[in-house]
Amino acid sequence: MYVYPHLELKMPRYKLGIQVIFGELKGQGLRVASKSLWDPKFDNWASHTFTNENIYCTAIVFGIYFE
């Protein structure tokens, strides 16, 4: 996971972490998991998965409050 410290979000105390997983579909199953420590009052995440008959791609974006 790479955090972009130079990204201007107009939210100076938040950092973004982005994780993207993609691969070829060949009849297998896949489960993506992530684990971290955070404050549920301030931190959050969003994800989206794209699939077609040949490939899959899952992107997860984490918004983390930085003290």
PDB file of N, CA and C in Angstrom:
ATOM      1  N   MET A   1       0.852  -1.160   0.000  1.00  0.00           N
ATOM      2  CA  MET A   1       0.000   0.000   0.000  1.00  0.00           C
ATOM      3  C   MET A   1       0.897   1.222   0.000  1.00  0.00           C
ATOM      4  N   TYR A   2       0.546   2.233  -0.780  1.00  0.00           N
ATOM      5  CA  TYR A   2       1.329   3.455  -0.879  1.00  0.00           C
ATOM      6  C   TYR A   2       0.475   4.627  -0.451  1.00  0.00           C
ATOM      7  N   VAL A   3       0.977   5.464   0.437  1.00  0.00           N
ATOM      8  CA  VAL A   3       0.265   6.659   0.892  1.00  0.00           C
ATOM      9  C   VAL A   3       0.817   7.851   0.131  1.00  0.00           C
ATOM     10  N   TYR A   4      -0.063   8.665  -0.444  1.00  0.00           N
ATOM     11  CA  TYR A   4       0.328   9.811  -1.250  1.00  0.00           C
ATOM     12  C   TYR A   4       0.378  11.073  -0.379  1.00  0.00           C
ATOM     13  N   PRO A   5       1.541  11.433   0.185  1.00  0.00           N
ATOM     14  CA  PRO A   5       1.590  12.582   1.098  1.00  0.00           C
ATOM     15  C   PRO A   5       1.435  13.929   0.396  1.00  0.00           C
ATOM     16  N   HIS A   6       1.660  14.016  -0.899  1.00  0.00           N
ATOM     17  CA  HIS A   6       1.610  15.281  -1.617  1.00  0.00           C
ATOM     18  C   HIS A   6       0.235  15.591  -2.207  1.00  0.00           C
ATOM     19  N   LEU A   7      -0.731  14.721  -2.045  1.00  0.00           N
ATOM     20  CA  LEU A   7      -2.048  14.904  -2.637  1.00  0.00           C
ATOM     21  C   LEU A   7      -2.814  15.998  -1.894  1.00  0.00           C
ATOM     22  N   GLU A   8      -3.283  17.028  -2.616  1.00  0.00           N
ATOM     23  CA  GLU A   8      -4.039  18.133  -2.029  1.00  0.00           C
ATOM     24  C   GLU A   8      -5.511  17.749  -1.932  1.00  0.00           C
ATOM     25  N   LEU A   9      -6.005  17.525  -0.720  1.00  0.00           N
ATOM     26  CA  LEU A   9      -7.389  17.095  -0.536  1.00  0.00           C
ATOM     27  C   LEU A   9      -8.252  18.136   0.150  1.00  0.00           C
ATOM     28  N   LYS A  10      -7.677  19.237   0.572  1.00  0.00           N
ATOM     29  CA  LYS A  10      -8.380  20.223   1.394  1.00  0.00           C
ATOM     30  C   LYS A  10      -8.800  19.600   2.722  1.00  0.00           C
ATOM     31  N   MET A  11      -8.190  18.495   3.087  1.00  0.00           N
ATOM     32  CA  MET A  11      -8.366  17.839   4.386  1.00  0.00           C
ATOM     33  C   MET A  11      -6.958  17.531   4.898  1.00  0.00           C
ATOM     34  N   PRO A  12      -6.253  18.519   5.431  1.00  0.00           N
ATOM     35  CA  PRO A  12      -4.825  18.352   5.696  1.00  0.00           C
ATOM     36  C   PRO A  12      -4.492  17.285   6.732  1.00  0.00           C
ATOM     37  N   ARG A  13      -5.422  16.867   7.562  1.00  0.00           N
ATOM     38  CA  ARG A  13      -5.107  15.884   8.591  1.00  0.00           C
ATOM     39  C   ARG A  13      -5.432  14.462   8.159  1.00  0.00           C
ATOM     40  N   TYR A  14      -5.870  14.281   6.924  1.00  0.00           N
ATOM     41  CA  TYR A  14      -6.184  12.951   6.415  1.00  0.00           C
ATOM     42  C   TYR A  14      -5.140  12.503   5.409  1.00  0.00           C
ATOM     43  N   LYS A  15      -4.841  11.230   5.435  1.00  0.00           N
ATOM     44  CA  LYS A  15      -3.963  10.598   4.445  1.00  0.00           C
ATOM     45  C   LYS A  15      -4.777   9.547   3.710  1.00  0.00           C
ATOM     46  N   LEU A  16      -4.449   9.322   2.444  1.00  0.00           N
ATOM     47  CA  LEU A  16      -5.109   8.288   1.650  1.00  0.00           C
ATOM     48  C   LEU A  16      -4.158   7.122   1.451  1.00  0.00           C
ATOM     49  N   GLY A  17      -4.675   5.937   1.623  1.00  0.00           N
ATOM     50  CA  GLY A  17      -3.964   4.713   1.259  1.00  0.00           C
ATOM     51  C   GLY A  17      -4.783   4.005   0.204  1.00  0.00           C
ATOM     52  N   ILE A  18      -4.129   3.526  -0.845  1.00  0.00           N
ATOM     53  CA  ILE A  18      -4.842   2.903  -1.961  1.00  0.00           C
ATOM     54  C   ILE A  18      -4.232   1.538  -2.234  1.00  0.00           C
ATOM     55  N   GLN A  19      -5.085   0.526  -2.321  1.00  0.00           N
ATOM     56  CA  GLN A  19      -4.646  -0.835  -2.620  1.00  0.00           C
ATOM     57  C   GLN A  19      -5.450  -1.334  -3.818  1.00  0.00           C
ATOM     58  N   VAL A  20      -4.760  -1.816  -4.858  1.00  0.00           N
ATOM     59  CA  VAL A  20      -5.422  -2.333  -6.058  1.00  0.00           C
ATOM     60  C   VAL A  20      -4.915  -3.748  -6.307  1.00  0.00           C
ATOM     61  N   ILE A  21      -5.841  -4.679  -6.493  1.00  0.00           N
ATOM     62  CA  ILE A  21      -5.519  -6.083  -6.773  1.00  0.00           C
ATOM     63  C   ILE A  21      -6.205  -6.441  -8.080  1.00  0.00           C
ATOM     64  N   PHE A  22      -5.450  -6.978  -9.025  1.00  0.00           N
ATOM     65  CA  PHE A  22      -6.077  -7.414 -10.267  1.00  0.00           C
ATOM     66  C   PHE A  22      -5.412  -8.695 -10.745  1.00  0.00           C
ATOM     67  N   GLY A  23      -6.162  -9.451 -11.540  1.00  0.00           N
ATOM     68  CA  GLY A  23      -5.636 -10.707 -12.048  1.00  0.00           C
ATOM     69  C   GLY A  23      -6.564 -11.325 -13.068  1.00  0.00           C
ATOM     70  N   GLU A  24      -6.166 -12.493 -13.527  1.00  0.00           N
ATOM     71  CA  GLU A  24      -6.912 -13.218 -14.538  1.00  0.00           C
ATOM     72  C   GLU A  24      -7.869 -14.197 -13.878  1.00  0.00           C
ATOM     73  N   LEU A  25      -9.073 -14.299 -14.406  1.00  0.00           N
ATOM     74  CA  LEU A  25     -10.051 -15.257 -13.906  1.00  0.00           C
ATOM     75  C   LEU A  25      -9.863 -16.595 -14.617  1.00  0.00           C
ATOM     76  N   LYS A  26      -9.710 -17.639 -13.827  1.00  0.00           N
ATOM     77  CA  LYS A  26      -9.568 -18.985 -14.381  1.00  0.00           C
ATOM     78  C   LYS A  26     -10.412 -19.970 -13.578  1.00  0.00           C
ATOM     79  N   GLY A  27     -11.565 -19.514 -13.080  1.00  0.00           N
ATOM     80  CA  GLY A  27     -12.459 -20.390 -12.342  1.00  0.00           C
ATOM     81  C   GLY A  27     -12.149 -20.495 -10.857  1.00  0.00           C
ATOM     82  N   GLN A  28     -11.190 -19.733 -10.358  1.00  0.00           N
ATOM     83  CA  GLN A  28     -10.816 -19.798  -8.954  1.00  0.00           C
ATOM     84  C   GLN A  28     -11.642 -18.808  -8.136  1.00  0.00           C
ATOM     85  N   GLY A  29     -11.588 -18.942  -6.840  1.00  0.00           N
ATOM     86  CA  GLY A  29     -12.198 -17.984  -5.934  1.00  0.00           C
ATOM     87  C   GLY A  29     -11.107 -17.130  -5.312  1.00  0.00           C
ATOM     88  N   LEU A  30     -11.476 -15.941  -4.853  1.00  0.00           N
ATOM     89  CA  LEU A  30     -10.501 -15.047  -4.243  1.00  0.00           C
ATOM     90  C   LEU A  30     -11.199 -14.212  -3.186  1.00  0.00           C
ATOM     91  N   ARG A  31     -10.530 -14.048  -2.068  1.00  0.00           N
ATOM     92  CA  ARG A  31     -11.035 -13.186  -1.005  1.00  0.00           C
ATOM     93  C   ARG A  31      -9.927 -12.203  -0.653  1.00  0.00           C
ATOM     94  N   VAL A  32     -10.250 -10.928  -0.625  1.00  0.00           N
ATOM     95  CA  VAL A  32      -9.283  -9.877  -0.304  1.00  0.00           C
ATOM     96  C   VAL A  32      -9.593  -9.384   1.096  1.00  0.00           C
ATOM     97  N   ALA A  33      -8.558  -9.255   1.931  1.00  0.00           N
ATOM     98  CA  ALA A  33      -8.732  -8.779   3.301  1.00  0.00           C
ATOM     99  C   ALA A  33      -7.656  -7.750   3.616  1.00  0.00           C
ATOM    100  N   SER A  34      -7.973  -6.877   4.531  1.00  0.00           N
ATOM    101  CA  SER A  34      -7.018  -5.872   4.985  1.00  0.00           C
ATOM    102  C   SER A  34      -7.196  -5.707   6.484  1.00  0.00           C
ATOM    103  N   LYS A  35      -6.093  -5.422   7.172  1.00  0.00           N
ATOM    104  CA  LYS A  35      -6.147  -5.303   8.618  1.00  0.00           C
ATOM    105  C   LYS A  35      -5.317  -4.101   9.042  1.00  0.00           C
ATOM    106  N   SER A  36      -5.866  -3.279   9.929  1.00  0.00           N
ATOM    107  CA  SER A  36      -5.126  -2.120  10.423  1.00  0.00           C
ATOM    108  C   SER A  36      -5.750  -1.618  11.716  1.00  0.00           C
ATOM    109  N   LEU A  37      -5.017  -0.765  12.399  1.00  0.00           N
ATOM    110  CA  LEU A  37      -5.531  -0.092  13.594  1.00  0.00           C
ATOM    111  C   LEU A  37      -6.010   1.293  13.184  1.00  0.00           C
ATOM    112  N   TRP A  38      -7.227   1.643  13.606  1.00  0.00           N
ATOM    113  CA  TRP A  38      -7.705   2.986  13.318  1.00  0.00           C
ATOM    114  C   TRP A  38      -8.829   3.365  14.257  1.00  0.00           C
ATOM    115  N   ASP A  39      -9.213   4.609  14.193  1.00  0.00           N
ATOM    116  CA  ASP A  39     -10.294   5.147  15.010  1.00  0.00           C
ATOM    117  C   ASP A  39     -11.572   5.152  14.176  1.00  0.00           C
ATOM    118  N   PRO A  40     -12.570   4.358  14.529  1.00  0.00           N
ATOM    119  CA  PRO A  40     -13.782   4.270  13.705  1.00  0.00           C
ATOM    120  C   PRO A  40     -14.583   5.578  13.636  1.00  0.00           C
ATOM    121  N   LYS A  41     -14.309   6.542  14.518  1.00  0.00           N
ATOM    122  CA  LYS A  41     -15.002   7.829  14.447  1.00  0.00           C
ATOM    123  C   LYS A  41     -14.473   8.697  13.307  1.00  0.00           C
ATOM    124  N   PHE A  42     -13.194   8.519  12.914  1.00  0.00           N
ATOM    125  CA  PHE A  42     -12.577   9.404  11.924  1.00  0.00           C
ATOM    126  C   PHE A  42     -12.121   8.691  10.659  1.00  0.00           C
ATOM    127  N   ASP A  43     -11.746   7.429  10.753  1.00  0.00           N
ATOM    128  CA  ASP A  43     -11.185   6.701   9.621  1.00  0.00           C
ATOM    129  C   ASP A  43     -12.277   5.924   8.896  1.00  0.00           C
ATOM    130  N   ASN A  44     -12.068   5.714   7.591  1.00  0.00           N
ATOM    131  CA  ASN A  44     -13.061   4.990   6.816  1.00  0.00           C
ATOM    132  C   ASN A  44     -12.413   4.416   5.563  1.00  0.00           C
ATOM    133  N   TRP A  45     -13.186   3.661   4.798  1.00  0.00           N
ATOM    134  CA  TRP A  45     -12.678   3.055   3.576  1.00  0.00           C
ATOM    135  C   TRP A  45     -13.819   2.892   2.585  1.00  0.00           C
ATOM    136  N   ALA A  46     -13.442   2.698   1.314  1.00  0.00           N
ATOM    137  CA  ALA A  46     -14.405   2.403   0.253  1.00  0.00           C
ATOM    138  C   ALA A  46     -13.736   1.422  -0.704  1.00  0.00           C
ATOM    139  N   SER A  47     -14.531   0.558  -1.314  1.00  0.00           N
ATOM    140  CA  SER A  47     -13.974  -0.400  -2.269  1.00  0.00           C
ATOM    141  C   SER A  47     -14.924  -0.582  -3.444  1.00  0.00           C
ATOM    142  N   HIS A  48     -14.338  -1.038  -4.545  1.00  0.00           N
ATOM    143  CA  HIS A  48     -15.132  -1.352  -5.728  1.00  0.00           C
ATOM    144  C   HIS A  48     -14.443  -2.500  -6.459  1.00  0.00           C
ATOM    145  N   THR A  49     -15.239  -3.420  -6.996  1.00  0.00           N
ATOM    146  CA  THR A  49     -14.706  -4.552  -7.751  1.00  0.00           C
ATOM    147  C   THR A  49     -15.291  -4.547  -9.153  1.00  0.00           C
ATOM    148  N   PHE A  50     -14.413  -4.728 -10.135  1.00  0.00           N
ATOM    149  CA  PHE A  50     -14.810  -4.859 -11.528  1.00  0.00           C
ATOM    150  C   PHE A  50     -14.438  -6.265 -11.978  1.00  0.00           C
ATOM    151  N   THR A  51     -15.344  -6.938 -12.674  1.00  0.00           N
ATOM    152  CA  THR A  51     -15.042  -8.244 -13.265  1.00  0.00           C
ATOM    153  C   THR A  51     -15.677  -8.325 -14.641  1.00  0.00           C
ATOM    154  N   ASN A  52     -15.043  -9.093 -15.498  1.00  0.00           N
ATOM    155  CA  ASN A  52     -15.659  -9.520 -16.745  1.00  0.00           C
ATOM    156  C   ASN A  52     -15.313 -10.989 -16.918  1.00  0.00           C
ATOM    157  N   GLU A  53     -15.459 -11.548 -18.083  1.00  0.00           N
ATOM    158  CA  GLU A  53     -15.214 -12.987 -18.238  1.00  0.00           C
ATOM    159  C   GLU A  53     -13.731 -13.362 -18.153  1.00  0.00           C
ATOM    160  N   ASN A  54     -12.821 -12.378 -18.221  1.00  0.00           N
ATOM    161  CA  ASN A  54     -11.387 -12.682 -18.241  1.00  0.00           C
ATOM    162  C   ASN A  54     -10.594 -12.175 -17.047  1.00  0.00           C
ATOM    163  N   ILE A  55     -10.974 -11.024 -16.486  1.00  0.00           N
ATOM    164  CA  ILE A  55     -10.161 -10.406 -15.432  1.00  0.00           C
ATOM    165  C   ILE A  55     -11.027  -9.943 -14.270  1.00  0.00           C
ATOM    166  N   TYR A  56     -10.362  -9.658 -13.155  1.00  0.00           N
ATOM    167  CA  TYR A  56     -10.992  -9.020 -12.010  1.00  0.00           C
ATOM    168  C   TYR A  56     -10.079  -7.903 -11.532  1.00  0.00           C
ATOM    169  N   CYS A  57     -10.638  -6.901 -10.888  1.00  0.00           N
ATOM    170  CA  CYS A  57      -9.866  -5.812 -10.306  1.00  0.00           C
ATOM    171  C   CYS A  57     -10.636  -5.289  -9.105  1.00  0.00           C
ATOM    172  N   THR A  58      -9.991  -5.241  -7.953  1.00  0.00           N
ATOM    173  CA  THR A  58     -10.576  -4.683  -6.745  1.00  0.00           C
ATOM    174  C   THR A  58      -9.699  -3.535  -6.275  1.00  0.00           C
ATOM    175  N   ALA A  59     -10.307  -2.377  -6.042  1.00  0.00           N
ATOM    176  CA  ALA A  59      -9.591  -1.210  -5.517  1.00  0.00           C
ATOM    177  C   ALA A  59     -10.192  -0.844  -4.166  1.00  0.00           C
ATOM    178  N   ILE A  60      -9.311  -0.590  -3.202  1.00  0.00           N
ATOM    179  CA  ILE A  60      -9.719  -0.193  -1.853  1.00  0.00           C
ATOM    180  C   ILE A  60      -9.007   1.113  -1.544  1.00  0.00           C
ATOM    181  N   VAL A  61      -9.774   2.106  -1.089  1.00  0.00           N
ATOM    182  CA  VAL A  61      -9.216   3.404  -0.698  1.00  0.00           C
ATOM    183  C   VAL A  61      -9.497   3.601   0.799  1.00  0.00           C
ATOM    184  N   PHE A  62      -8.434   3.894   1.554  1.00  0.00           N
ATOM    185  CA  PHE A  62      -8.536   4.121   2.985  1.00  0.00           C
ATOM    186  C   PHE A  62      -8.332   5.603   3.258  1.00  0.00           C
ATOM    187  N   GLY A  63      -9.215   6.215   4.042  1.00  0.00           N
ATOM    188  CA  GLY A  63      -9.042   7.586   4.512  1.00  0.00           C
ATOM    189  C   GLY A  63      -8.689   7.518   5.996  1.00  0.00           C
ATOM    190  N   ILE A  64      -7.473   7.942   6.339  1.00  0.00           N
ATOM    191  CA  ILE A  64      -6.951   7.760   7.694  1.00  0.00           C
ATOM    192  C   ILE A  64      -6.620   9.120   8.289  1.00  0.00           C
ATOM    193  N   TYR A  65      -7.194   9.400   9.440  1.00  0.00           N
ATOM    194  CA  TYR A  65      -6.936  10.666  10.153  1.00  0.00           C
ATOM    195  C   TYR A  65      -5.550  10.607  10.754  1.00  0.00           C
ATOM    196  N   PHE A  66      -4.746  11.611  10.474  1.00  0.00           N
ATOM    197  CA  PHE A  66      -3.353  11.641  10.915  1.00  0.00           C
ATOM    198  C   PHE A  66      -3.191  12.663  12.028  1.00  0.00           C
ATOM    199  N   GLU A  67      -2.807  12.199  13.218  1.00  0.00           N
ATOM    200  CA  GLU A  67      -2.621  13.113  14.359  1.00  0.00           C
ATOM    201  C   GLU A  67      -1.204  13.585  14.435  1.00  0.00           C
TER     202      GLU A  67
END
